[in-house]
Amino acid sequence: MATNGLLINYQYCTGCHSCEVACKNALKLPRGKSGIKLLENGPWEVTPEKFEWDYIPVPTQLCNLCADRVEEGKKPSCVHHCLAQCIEYGSAEELAARAAELGEKTAIFFP
């Protein structure tokens, strides 16, 4: 079982795709393959004149949490390059505590 993972606070994700690009470059993945994929939910109307539109970065089976970078004491590439700083790396315990602190619109992944 994985002990480290990613916490994604998608309330603040801007949909910039930096995580995807950083991951593709770090893992040297070919076209059509991705270690993290940005999903889009919305837009949809919640109430009249109020819309919901979320971008949700989701690690794929190709994600190895940038094991080589982490071994060197660095953050995974997606975390390092996230412009909105909404992706965090840590242990299961750290991420669970952080998710409880942040509340809604967070997801923890253990690729």
PDB file of N, CA and C in Angstrom:
ATOM      1  N   MET A   1       0.841  -1.185   0.000  1.00  0.00           N
ATOM      2  CA  MET A   1       0.000   0.000   0.000  1.00  0.00           C
ATOM      3  C   MET A   1       0.886   1.247   0.000  1.00  0.00           C
ATOM      4  N   ALA A   2       0.489   2.206  -0.789  1.00  0.00           N
ATOM      5  CA  ALA A   2       1.260   3.453  -0.897  1.00  0.00           C
ATOM      6  C   ALA A   2       1.184   4.230   0.411  1.00  0.00           C
ATOM      7  N   THR A   3       2.285   4.812   0.815  1.00  0.00           N
ATOM      8  CA  THR A   3       2.292   5.616   2.031  1.00  0.00           C
ATOM      9  C   THR A   3       2.325   7.104   1.727  1.00  0.00           C
ATOM     10  N   ASN A   4       2.722   7.470   0.521  1.00  0.00           N
ATOM     11  CA  ASN A   4       2.736   8.870   0.106  1.00  0.00           C
ATOM     12  C   ASN A   4       1.804   9.050  -1.072  1.00  0.00           C
ATOM     13  N   GLY A   5       1.272  10.252  -1.181  1.00  0.00           N
ATOM     14  CA  GLY A   5       0.347  10.520  -2.275  1.00  0.00           C
ATOM     15  C   GLY A   5       0.234  11.999  -2.552  1.00  0.00           C
ATOM     16  N   LEU A   6      -0.811  12.346  -3.271  1.00  0.00           N
ATOM     17  CA  LEU A   6      -1.068  13.730  -3.662  1.00  0.00           C
ATOM     18  C   LEU A   6      -2.412  14.173  -3.115  1.00  0.00           C
ATOM     19  N   LEU A   7      -2.453  15.383  -2.605  1.00  0.00           N
ATOM     20  CA  LEU A   7      -3.705  16.011  -2.236  1.00  0.00           C
ATOM     21  C   LEU A   7      -3.955  17.090  -3.277  1.00  0.00           C
ATOM     22  N   ILE A   8      -5.133  17.084  -3.833  1.00  0.00           N
ATOM     23  CA  ILE A   8      -5.472  18.091  -4.839  1.00  0.00           C
ATOM     24  C   ILE A   8      -6.651  18.901  -4.324  1.00  0.00           C
ATOM     25  N   ASN A   9      -6.431  20.188  -4.159  1.00  0.00           N
ATOM     26  CA  ASN A   9      -7.458  21.121  -3.739  1.00  0.00           C
ATOM     27  C   ASN A   9      -8.015  21.753  -5.011  1.00  0.00           C
ATOM     28  N   TYR A  10      -8.960  21.083  -5.623  1.00  0.00           N
ATOM     29  CA  TYR A  10      -9.403  21.522  -6.943  1.00  0.00           C
ATOM     30  C   TYR A  10     -10.307  22.744  -6.914  1.00  0.00           C
ATOM     31  N   GLN A  11     -10.596  23.264  -5.744  1.00  0.00           N
ATOM     32  CA  GLN A  11     -11.334  24.528  -5.665  1.00  0.00           C
ATOM     33  C   GLN A  11     -10.520  25.650  -6.311  1.00  0.00           C
ATOM     34  N   TYR A  12      -9.185  25.519  -6.257  1.00  0.00           N
ATOM     35  CA  TYR A  12      -8.326  26.583  -6.757  1.00  0.00           C
ATOM     36  C   TYR A  12      -7.629  26.253  -8.078  1.00  0.00           C
ATOM     37  N   CYS A  13      -7.851  25.082  -8.623  1.00  0.00           N
ATOM     38  CA  CYS A  13      -7.226  24.724  -9.902  1.00  0.00           C
ATOM     39  C   CYS A  13      -7.790  25.622 -10.999  1.00  0.00           C
ATOM     40  N   THR A  14      -6.896  26.227 -11.768  1.00  0.00           N
ATOM     41  CA  THR A  14      -7.313  27.153 -12.827  1.00  0.00           C
ATOM     42  C   THR A  14      -7.418  26.490 -14.195  1.00  0.00           C
ATOM     43  N   GLY A  15      -7.045  25.224 -14.286  1.00  0.00           N
ATOM     44  CA  GLY A  15      -7.119  24.534 -15.572  1.00  0.00           C
ATOM     45  C   GLY A  15      -5.983  24.873 -16.503  1.00  0.00           C
ATOM     46  N   CYS A  16      -4.831  25.251 -15.982  1.00  0.00           N
ATOM     47  CA  CYS A  16      -3.710  25.712 -16.816  1.00  0.00           C
ATOM     48  C   CYS A  16      -2.942  24.577 -17.498  1.00  0.00           C
ATOM     49  N   HIS A  17      -3.126  23.345 -17.044  1.00  0.00           N
ATOM     50  CA  HIS A  17      -2.465  22.159 -17.609  1.00  0.00           C
ATOM     51  C   HIS A  17      -0.965  22.075 -17.297  1.00  0.00           C
ATOM     52  N   SER A  18      -0.441  22.931 -16.425  1.00  0.00           N
ATOM     53  CA  SER A  18       0.990  22.871 -16.078  1.00  0.00           C
ATOM     54  C   SER A  18       1.368  21.519 -15.485  1.00  0.00           C
ATOM     55  N   CYS A  19       0.487  20.939 -14.697  1.00  0.00           N
ATOM     56  CA  CYS A  19       0.773  19.639 -14.093  1.00  0.00           C
ATOM     57  C   CYS A  19       0.931  18.566 -15.173  1.00  0.00           C
ATOM     58  N   GLU A  20       0.071  18.600 -16.179  1.00  0.00           N
ATOM     59  CA  GLU A  20       0.154  17.627 -17.274  1.00  0.00           C
ATOM     60  C   GLU A  20       1.463  17.761 -18.044  1.00  0.00           C
ATOM     61  N   VAL A  21       1.807  18.996 -18.388  1.00  0.00           N
ATOM     62  CA  VAL A  21       3.024  19.251 -19.159  1.00  0.00           C
ATOM     63  C   VAL A  21       4.255  18.851 -18.350  1.00  0.00           C
ATOM     64  N   ALA A  22       4.292  19.240 -17.073  1.00  0.00           N
ATOM     65  CA  ALA A  22       5.430  18.911 -16.209  1.00  0.00           C
ATOM     66  C   ALA A  22       5.585  17.395 -16.079  1.00  0.00           C
ATOM     67  N   CYS A  23       4.490  16.704 -15.926  1.00  0.00           N
ATOM     68  CA  CYS A  23       4.517  15.251 -15.784  1.00  0.00           C
ATOM     69  C   CYS A  23       5.010  14.581 -17.067  1.00  0.00           C
ATOM     70  N   LYS A  24       4.456  14.995 -18.202  1.00  0.00           N
ATOM     71  CA  LYS A  24       4.878  14.422 -19.488  1.00  0.00           C
ATOM     72  C   LYS A  24       6.380  14.585 -19.690  1.00  0.00           C
ATOM     73  N   ASN A  25       6.895  15.766 -19.344  1.00  0.00           N
ATOM     74  CA  ASN A  25       8.325  16.020 -19.503  1.00  0.00           C
ATOM     75  C   ASN A  25       9.161  15.217 -18.516  1.00  0.00           C
ATOM     76  N   ALA A  26       8.713  15.154 -17.262  1.00  0.00           N
ATOM     77  CA  ALA A  26       9.476  14.434 -16.233  1.00  0.00           C
ATOM     78  C   ALA A  26       9.542  12.937 -16.533  1.00  0.00           C
ATOM     79  N   LEU A  27       8.439  12.372 -16.996  1.00  0.00           N
ATOM     80  CA  LEU A  27       8.386  10.934 -17.278  1.00  0.00           C
ATOM     81  C   LEU A  27       8.722  10.597 -18.728  1.00  0.00           C
ATOM     82  N   LYS A  28       8.960  11.636 -19.543  1.00  0.00           N
ATOM     83  CA  LYS A  28       9.268  11.462 -20.961  1.00  0.00           C
ATOM     84  C   LYS A  28       8.208  10.588 -21.657  1.00  0.00           C
ATOM     85  N   LEU A  29       6.961  10.983 -21.461  1.00  0.00           N
ATOM     86  CA  LEU A  29       5.840  10.225 -22.008  1.00  0.00           C
ATOM     87  C   LEU A  29       5.534  10.652 -23.443  1.00  0.00           C
ATOM     88  N   PRO A  30       5.131   9.707 -24.286  1.00  0.00           N
ATOM     89  CA  PRO A  30       4.784  10.036 -25.670  1.00  0.00           C
ATOM     90  C   PRO A  30       3.416  10.716 -25.758  1.00  0.00           C
ATOM     91  N   ARG A  31       3.141  11.254 -26.915  1.00  0.00           N
ATOM     92  CA  ARG A  31       1.848  11.888 -27.187  1.00  0.00           C
ATOM     93  C   ARG A  31       0.725  10.898 -26.851  1.00  0.00           C
ATOM     94  N   GLY A  32      -0.300  11.390 -26.209  1.00  0.00           N
ATOM     95  CA  GLY A  32      -1.449  10.558 -25.871  1.00  0.00           C
ATOM     96  C   GLY A  32      -1.334   9.863 -24.523  1.00  0.00           C
ATOM     97  N   LYS A  33      -0.179   9.935 -23.882  1.00  0.00           N
ATOM     98  CA  LYS A  33       0.017   9.310 -22.569  1.00  0.00           C
ATOM     99  C   LYS A  33       0.208  10.418 -21.541  1.00  0.00           C
ATOM    100  N   SER A  34      -0.287  10.179 -20.336  1.00  0.00           N
ATOM    101  CA  SER A  34      -0.179  11.196 -19.304  1.00  0.00           C
ATOM    102  C   SER A  34      -0.151  10.552 -17.933  1.00  0.00           C
ATOM    103  N   GLY A  35       0.662  11.090 -17.046  1.00  0.00           N
ATOM    104  CA  GLY A  35       0.732  10.613 -15.670  1.00  0.00           C
ATOM    105  C   GLY A  35      -0.286  11.318 -14.788  1.00  0.00           C
ATOM    106  N   ILE A  36      -0.772  12.458 -15.263  1.00  0.00           N
ATOM    107  CA  ILE A  36      -1.850  13.185 -14.588  1.00  0.00           C
ATOM    108  C   ILE A  36      -2.683  13.826 -15.690  1.00  0.00           C
ATOM    109  N   LYS A  37      -3.979  13.743 -15.546  1.00  0.00           N
ATOM    110  CA  LYS A  37      -4.882  14.237 -16.582  1.00  0.00           C
ATOM    111  C   LYS A  37      -5.844  15.234 -15.955  1.00  0.00           C
ATOM    112  N   LEU A  38      -6.012  16.374 -16.604  1.00  0.00           N
ATOM    113  CA  LEU A  38      -6.901  17.406 -16.103  1.00  0.00           C
ATOM    114  C   LEU A  38      -8.314  17.159 -16.630  1.00  0.00           C
ATOM    115  N   LEU A  39      -9.238  16.881 -15.724  1.00  0.00           N
ATOM    116  CA  LEU A  39     -10.636  16.678 -16.093  1.00  0.00           C
ATOM    117  C   LEU A  39     -11.398  17.978 -15.867  1.00  0.00           C
ATOM    118  N   GLU A  40     -12.459  18.158 -16.634  1.00  0.00           N
ATOM    119  CA  GLU A  40     -13.259  19.368 -16.535  1.00  0.00           C
ATOM    120  C   GLU A  40     -14.697  18.985 -16.202  1.00  0.00           C
ATOM    121  N   ASN A  41     -15.233  19.577 -15.153  1.00  0.00           N
ATOM    122  CA  ASN A  41     -16.607  19.330 -14.741  1.00  0.00           C
ATOM    123  C   ASN A  41     -17.366  20.648 -14.828  1.00  0.00           C
ATOM    124  N   GLY A  42     -18.239  20.752 -15.810  1.00  0.00           N
ATOM    125  CA  GLY A  42     -19.020  21.967 -15.938  1.00  0.00           C
ATOM    126  C   GLY A  42     -18.774  22.632 -17.273  1.00  0.00           C
ATOM    127  N   PRO A  43     -19.278  23.796 -17.471  1.00  0.00           N
ATOM    128  CA  PRO A  43     -20.067  24.562 -16.504  1.00  0.00           C
ATOM    129  C   PRO A  43     -21.507  24.066 -16.429  1.00  0.00           C
ATOM    130  N   TRP A  44     -22.075  24.173 -15.232  1.00  0.00           N
ATOM    131  CA  TRP A  44     -23.485  23.871 -15.044  1.00  0.00           C
ATOM    132  C   TRP A  44     -24.066  24.848 -14.032  1.00  0.00           C
ATOM    133  N   GLU A  45     -25.329  25.149 -14.223  1.00  0.00           N
ATOM    134  CA  GLU A  45     -25.984  26.172 -13.413  1.00  0.00           C
ATOM    135  C   GLU A  45     -26.434  25.579 -12.079  1.00  0.00           C
ATOM    136  N   VAL A  46     -25.964  26.167 -10.988  1.00  0.00           N
ATOM    137  CA  VAL A  46     -26.330  25.727  -9.649  1.00  0.00           C
ATOM    138  C   VAL A  46     -27.651  26.375  -9.246  1.00  0.00           C
ATOM    139  N   THR A  47     -27.687  27.665  -9.366  1.00  0.00           N
ATOM    140  CA  THR A  47     -28.896  28.461  -9.148  1.00  0.00           C
ATOM    141  C   THR A  47     -28.922  29.498 -10.266  1.00  0.00           C
ATOM    142  N   PRO A  48     -30.027  30.161 -10.468  1.00  0.00           N
ATOM    143  CA  PRO A  48     -30.045  31.181 -11.523  1.00  0.00           C
ATOM    144  C   PRO A  48     -28.874  32.163 -11.362  1.00  0.00           C
ATOM    145  N   GLU A  49     -28.112  32.296 -12.419  1.00  0.00           N
ATOM    146  CA  GLU A  49     -26.970  33.210 -12.479  1.00  0.00           C
ATOM    147  C   GLU A  49     -25.735  32.749 -11.696  1.00  0.00           C
ATOM    148  N   LYS A  50     -25.770  31.548 -11.115  1.00  0.00           N
ATOM    149  CA  LYS A  50     -24.593  31.029 -10.411  1.00  0.00           C
ATOM    150  C   LYS A  50     -24.201  29.694 -11.043  1.00  0.00           C
ATOM    151  N   PHE A  51     -22.956  29.645 -11.520  1.00  0.00           N
ATOM    152  CA  PHE A  51     -22.482  28.462 -12.215  1.00  0.00           C
ATOM    153  C   PHE A  51     -21.346  27.780 -11.468  1.00  0.00           C
ATOM    154  N   GLU A  52     -21.230  26.491 -11.657  1.00  0.00           N
ATOM    155  CA  GLU A  52     -20.143  25.679 -11.100  1.00  0.00           C
ATOM    156  C   GLU A  52     -19.290  25.207 -12.280  1.00  0.00           C
ATOM    157  N   TRP A  53     -17.980  25.299 -12.121  1.00  0.00           N
ATOM    158  CA  TRP A  53     -17.068  24.856 -13.176  1.00  0.00           C
ATOM    159  C   TRP A  53     -15.756  24.501 -12.507  1.00  0.00           C
ATOM    160  N   ASP A  54     -15.454  23.227 -12.467  1.00  0.00           N
ATOM    161  CA  ASP A  54     -14.254  22.757 -11.777  1.00  0.00           C
ATOM    162  C   ASP A  54     -13.284  22.088 -12.736  1.00  0.00           C
ATOM    163  N   TYR A  55     -12.007  22.279 -12.467  1.00  0.00           N
ATOM    164  CA  TYR A  55     -10.933  21.539 -13.130  1.00  0.00           C
ATOM    165  C   TYR A  55     -10.360  20.612 -12.073  1.00  0.00           C
ATOM    166  N   ILE A  56     -10.220  19.347 -12.429  1.00  0.00           N
ATOM    167  CA  ILE A  56      -9.788  18.354 -11.447  1.00  0.00           C
ATOM    168  C   ILE A  56      -8.619  17.552 -12.012  1.00  0.00           C
ATOM    169  N   PRO A  57      -7.386  17.820 -11.543  1.00  0.00           N
ATOM    170  CA  PRO A  57      -6.241  17.019 -11.962  1.00  0.00           C
ATOM    171  C   PRO A  57      -6.329  15.633 -11.317  1.00  0.00           C
ATOM    172  N   VAL A  58      -6.233  14.587 -12.127  1.00  0.00           N
ATOM    173  CA  VAL A  58      -6.336  13.220 -11.621  1.00  0.00           C
ATOM    174  C   VAL A  58      -5.132  12.411 -12.093  1.00  0.00           C
ATOM    175  N   PRO A  59      -4.344  11.864 -11.155  1.00  0.00           N
ATOM    176  CA  PRO A  59      -3.219  11.005 -11.549  1.00  0.00           C
ATOM    177  C   PRO A  59      -3.715   9.746 -12.251  1.00  0.00           C
ATOM    178  N   THR A  60      -2.940   9.263 -13.203  1.00  0.00           N
ATOM    179  CA  THR A  60      -3.279   8.039 -13.922  1.00  0.00           C
ATOM    180  C   THR A  60      -2.379   6.901 -13.421  1.00  0.00           C
ATOM    181  N   GLN A  61      -2.536   5.737 -14.003  1.00  0.00           N
ATOM    182  CA  GLN A  61      -1.708   4.595 -13.625  1.00  0.00           C
ATOM    183  C   GLN A  61      -0.242   4.797 -13.991  1.00  0.00           C
ATOM    184  N   LEU A  62       0.054   5.753 -14.859  1.00  0.00           N
ATOM    185  CA  LEU A  62       1.444   6.018 -15.241  1.00  0.00           C
ATOM    186  C   LEU A  62       2.176   6.871 -14.199  1.00  0.00           C
ATOM    187  N   CYS A  63       1.438   7.452 -13.261  1.00  0.00           N
ATOM    188  CA  CYS A  63       2.056   8.288 -12.224  1.00  0.00           C
ATOM    189  C   CYS A  63       2.864   7.408 -11.268  1.00  0.00           C
ATOM    190  N   ASN A  64       4.117   7.780 -11.078  1.00  0.00           N
ATOM    191  CA  ASN A  64       4.962   7.090 -10.093  1.00  0.00           C
ATOM    192  C   ASN A  64       5.388   8.060  -8.998  1.00  0.00           C
ATOM    193  N   LEU A  65       4.654   9.174  -8.869  1.00  0.00           N
ATOM    194  CA  LEU A  65       4.953  10.230  -7.908  1.00  0.00           C
ATOM    195  C   LEU A  65       6.368  10.769  -8.071  1.00  0.00           C
ATOM    196  N   CYS A  66       6.875  10.690  -9.313  1.00  0.00           N
ATOM    197  CA  CYS A  66       8.230  11.180  -9.620  1.00  0.00           C
ATOM    198  C   CYS A  66       9.236  10.617  -8.619  1.00  0.00           C
ATOM    199  N   ALA A  67       9.250   9.300  -8.517  1.00  0.00           N
ATOM    200  CA  ALA A  67      10.101   8.615  -7.542  1.00  0.00           C
ATOM    201  C   ALA A  67      11.548   9.095  -7.573  1.00  0.00           C
ATOM    202  N   ASP A  68      12.082   9.340  -8.763  1.00  0.00           N
ATOM    203  CA  ASP A  68      13.475   9.796  -8.858  1.00  0.00           C
ATOM    204  C   ASP A  68      13.646  11.196  -8.268  1.00  0.00           C
ATOM    205  N   ARG A  69      12.694  12.078  -8.501  1.00  0.00           N
ATOM    206  CA  ARG A  69      12.764  13.440  -7.939  1.00  0.00           C
ATOM    207  C   ARG A  69      12.626  13.389  -6.416  1.00  0.00           C
ATOM    208  N   VAL A  70      11.664  12.603  -5.932  1.00  0.00           N
ATOM    209  CA  VAL A  70      11.420  12.500  -4.494  1.00  0.00           C
ATOM    210  C   VAL A  70      12.647  11.921  -3.791  1.00  0.00           C
ATOM    211  N   GLU A  71      13.281  10.944  -4.430  1.00  0.00           N
ATOM    212  CA  GLU A  71      14.494  10.343  -3.871  1.00  0.00           C
ATOM    213  C   GLU A  71      15.607  11.386  -3.703  1.00  0.00           C
ATOM    214  N   GLU A  72      15.615  12.387  -4.568  1.00  0.00           N
ATOM    215  CA  GLU A  72      16.604  13.474  -4.499  1.00  0.00           C
ATOM    216  C   GLU A  72      16.172  14.587  -3.541  1.00  0.00           C
ATOM    217  N   GLY A  73      15.038  14.395  -2.867  1.00  0.00           N
ATOM    218  CA  GLY A  73      14.557  15.405  -1.925  1.00  0.00           C
ATOM    219  C   GLY A  73      13.702  16.482  -2.556  1.00  0.00           C
ATOM    220  N   LYS A  74      13.299  16.289  -3.810  1.00  0.00           N
ATOM    221  CA  LYS A  74      12.468  17.264  -4.516  1.00  0.00           C
ATOM    222  C   LYS A  74      11.003  16.836  -4.461  1.00  0.00           C
ATOM    223  N   LYS A  75      10.139  17.754  -4.808  1.00  0.00           N
ATOM    224  CA  LYS A  75       8.713  17.458  -4.912  1.00  0.00           C
ATOM    225  C   LYS A  75       8.432  16.816  -6.268  1.00  0.00           C
ATOM    226  N   PRO A  76       7.332  16.042  -6.386  1.00  0.00           N
ATOM    227  CA  PRO A  76       6.948  15.563  -7.706  1.00  0.00           C
ATOM    228  C   PRO A  76       6.775  16.741  -8.665  1.00  0.00           C
ATOM    229  N   SER A  77       7.022  16.506  -9.926  1.00  0.00           N
ATOM    230  CA  SER A  77       7.012  17.567 -10.932  1.00  0.00           C
ATOM    231  C   SER A  77       5.680  18.311 -10.992  1.00  0.00           C
ATOM    232  N   CYS A  78       4.566  17.596 -10.879  1.00  0.00           N
ATOM    233  CA  CYS A  78       3.256  18.262 -10.939  1.00  0.00           C
ATOM    234  C   CYS A  78       3.086  19.227  -9.771  1.00  0.00           C
ATOM    235  N   VAL A  79       3.569  18.839  -8.592  1.00  0.00           N
ATOM    236  CA  VAL A  79       3.476  19.691  -7.405  1.00  0.00           C
ATOM    237  C   VAL A  79       4.364  20.924  -7.592  1.00  0.00           C
ATOM    238  N   HIS A  80       5.579  20.701  -8.034  1.00  0.00           N
ATOM    239  CA  HIS A  80       6.545  21.783  -8.219  1.00  0.00           C
ATOM    240  C   HIS A  80       6.064  22.828  -9.230  1.00  0.00           C
ATOM    241  N   HIS A  81       5.410  22.384 -10.286  1.00  0.00           N
ATOM    242  CA  HIS A  81       5.029  23.289 -11.373  1.00  0.00           C
ATOM    243  C   HIS A  81       3.589  23.784 -11.313  1.00  0.00           C
ATOM    244  N   CYS A  82       2.822  23.389 -10.309  1.00  0.00           N
ATOM    245  CA  CYS A  82       1.425  23.823 -10.207  1.00  0.00           C
ATOM    246  C   CYS A  82       1.372  25.327  -9.945  1.00  0.00           C
ATOM    247  N   LEU A  83       0.861  26.077 -10.898  1.00  0.00           N
ATOM    248  CA  LEU A  83       0.811  27.536 -10.784  1.00  0.00           C
ATOM    249  C   LEU A  83      -0.131  28.008  -9.675  1.00  0.00           C
ATOM    250  N   ALA A  84      -1.196  27.265  -9.434  1.00  0.00           N
ATOM    251  CA  ALA A  84      -2.156  27.632  -8.391  1.00  0.00           C
ATOM    252  C   ALA A  84      -1.761  27.076  -7.024  1.00  0.00           C
ATOM    253  N   GLN A  85      -0.705  26.285  -6.982  1.00  0.00           N
ATOM    254  CA  GLN A  85      -0.225  25.642  -5.761  1.00  0.00           C
ATOM    255  C   GLN A  85      -1.342  24.859  -5.068  1.00  0.00           C
ATOM    256  N   CYS A  86      -2.123  24.151  -5.869  1.00  0.00           N
ATOM    257  CA  CYS A  86      -3.243  23.397  -5.308  1.00  0.00           C
ATOM    258  C   CYS A  86      -2.971  21.897  -5.246  1.00  0.00           C
ATOM    259  N   ILE A  87      -1.749  21.463  -5.600  1.00  0.00           N
ATOM    260  CA  ILE A  87      -1.368  20.062  -5.492  1.00  0.00           C
ATOM    261  C   ILE A  87      -0.281  19.969  -4.431  1.00  0.00           C
ATOM    262  N   GLU A  88      -0.490  19.077  -3.459  1.00  0.00           N
ATOM    263  CA  GLU A  88       0.471  18.884  -2.379  1.00  0.00           C
ATOM    264  C   GLU A  88       0.894  17.419  -2.331  1.00  0.00           C
ATOM    265  N   TYR A  89       2.116  17.177  -1.890  1.00  0.00           N
ATOM    266  CA  TYR A  89       2.670  15.835  -1.757  1.00  0.00           C
ATOM    267  C   TYR A  89       2.942  15.573  -0.282  1.00  0.00           C
ATOM    268  N   GLY A  90       2.666  14.365   0.177  1.00  0.00           N
ATOM    269  CA  GLY A  90       2.973  14.030   1.558  1.00  0.00           C
ATOM    270  C   GLY A  90       2.530  12.640   1.928  1.00  0.00           C
ATOM    271  N   SER A  91       2.663  12.341   3.208  1.00  0.00           N
ATOM    272  CA  SER A  91       2.264  11.029   3.722  1.00  0.00           C
ATOM    273  C   SER A  91       0.740  10.985   3.848  1.00  0.00           C
ATOM    274  N   ALA A  92       0.212   9.789   3.987  1.00  0.00           N
ATOM    275  CA  ALA A  92      -1.235   9.616   4.121  1.00  0.00           C
ATOM    276  C   ALA A  92      -1.760  10.416   5.313  1.00  0.00           C
ATOM    277  N   GLU A  93      -1.025  10.390   6.411  1.00  0.00           N
ATOM    278  CA  GLU A  93      -1.455  11.097   7.613  1.00  0.00           C
ATOM    279  C   GLU A  93      -1.455  12.614   7.395  1.00  0.00           C
ATOM    280  N   GLU A  94      -0.388  13.122   6.783  1.00  0.00           N
ATOM    281  CA  GLU A  94      -0.299  14.561   6.510  1.00  0.00           C
ATOM    282  C   GLU A  94      -1.415  15.017   5.573  1.00  0.00           C
ATOM    283  N   LEU A  95      -1.644  14.232   4.533  1.00  0.00           N
ATOM    284  CA  LEU A  95      -2.656  14.613   3.543  1.00  0.00           C
ATOM    285  C   LEU A  95      -4.063  14.536   4.111  1.00  0.00           C
ATOM    286  N   ALA A  96      -4.330  13.538   4.969  1.00  0.00           N
ATOM    287  CA  ALA A  96      -5.655  13.428   5.590  1.00  0.00           C
ATOM    288  C   ALA A  96      -5.912  14.624   6.501  1.00  0.00           C
ATOM    289  N   ALA A  97      -4.898  15.017   7.274  1.00  0.00           N
ATOM    290  CA  ALA A  97      -5.043  16.183   8.157  1.00  0.00           C
ATOM    291  C   ALA A  97      -5.254  17.449   7.340  1.00  0.00           C
ATOM    292  N   ARG A  98      -4.506  17.583   6.266  1.00  0.00           N
ATOM    293  CA  ARG A  98      -4.627  18.767   5.405  1.00  0.00           C
ATOM    294  C   ARG A  98      -5.994  18.822   4.725  1.00  0.00           C
ATOM    295  N   ALA A  99      -6.495  17.671   4.271  1.00  0.00           N
ATOM    296  CA  ALA A  99      -7.815  17.615   3.630  1.00  0.00           C
ATOM    297  C   ALA A  99      -8.907  18.011   4.623  1.00  0.00           C
ATOM    298  N   ALA A 100      -8.789  17.559   5.864  1.00  0.00           N
ATOM    299  CA  ALA A 100      -9.766  17.922   6.894  1.00  0.00           C
ATOM    300  C   ALA A 100      -9.738  19.433   7.146  1.00  0.00           C
ATOM    301  N   GLU A 101      -8.551  19.999   7.097  1.00  0.00           N
ATOM    302  CA  GLU A 101      -8.370  21.440   7.292  1.00  0.00           C
ATOM    303  C   GLU A 101      -8.991  22.246   6.147  1.00  0.00           C
ATOM    304  N   LEU A 102      -8.808  21.748   4.912  1.00  0.00           N
ATOM    305  CA  LEU A 102      -9.281  22.478   3.726  1.00  0.00           C
ATOM    306  C   LEU A 102     -10.771  22.314   3.481  1.00  0.00           C
ATOM    307  N   GLY A 103     -11.331  21.179   3.863  1.00  0.00           N
ATOM    308  CA  GLY A 103     -12.765  20.953   3.672  1.00  0.00           C
ATOM    309  C   GLY A 103     -13.100  20.427   2.293  1.00  0.00           C
ATOM    310  N   GLU A 104     -14.175  20.959   1.702  1.00  0.00           N
ATOM    311  CA  GLU A 104     -14.669  20.471   0.416  1.00  0.00           C
ATOM    312  C   GLU A 104     -13.682  20.676  -0.724  1.00  0.00           C
ATOM    313  N   LYS A 105     -14.000  19.988  -1.785  1.00  0.00           N
ATOM    314  CA  LYS A 105     -13.275  20.104  -3.053  1.00  0.00           C
ATOM    315  C   LYS A 105     -11.801  19.732  -2.925  1.00  0.00           C
ATOM    316  N   THR A 106     -11.536  18.711  -2.141  1.00  0.00           N
ATOM    317  CA  THR A 106     -10.199  18.152  -2.073  1.00  0.00           C
ATOM    318  C   THR A 106     -10.299  16.660  -2.356  1.00  0.00           C
ATOM    319  N   ALA A 107      -9.242  16.121  -2.901  1.00  0.00           N
ATOM    320  CA  ALA A 107      -9.169  14.696  -3.183  1.00  0.00           C
ATOM    321  C   ALA A 107      -7.749  14.238  -2.898  1.00  0.00           C
ATOM    322  N   ILE A 108      -7.622  13.034  -2.343  1.00  0.00           N
ATOM    323  CA  ILE A 108      -6.309  12.459  -2.073  1.00  0.00           C
ATOM    324  C   ILE A 108      -6.139  11.265  -2.990  1.00  0.00           C
ATOM    325  N   PHE A 109      -4.974  11.188  -3.635  1.00  0.00           N
ATOM    326  CA  PHE A 109      -4.674  10.106  -4.565  1.00  0.00           C
ATOM    327  C   PHE A 109      -3.402   9.402  -4.127  1.00  0.00           C
ATOM    328  N   PHE A 110      -3.431   8.097  -4.210  1.00  0.00           N
ATOM    329  CA  PHE A 110      -2.253   7.271  -3.968  1.00  0.00           C
ATOM    330  C   PHE A 110      -2.002   6.446  -5.219  1.00  0.00           C
ATOM    331  N   PRO A 111      -1.315   7.052  -6.191  1.00  0.00           N
ATOM    332  CA  PRO A 111      -1.092   6.349  -7.469  1.00  0.00           C
ATOM    333  C   PRO A 111      -0.237   5.091  -7.292  1.00  0.00           C
TER     334      PRO A 111
END
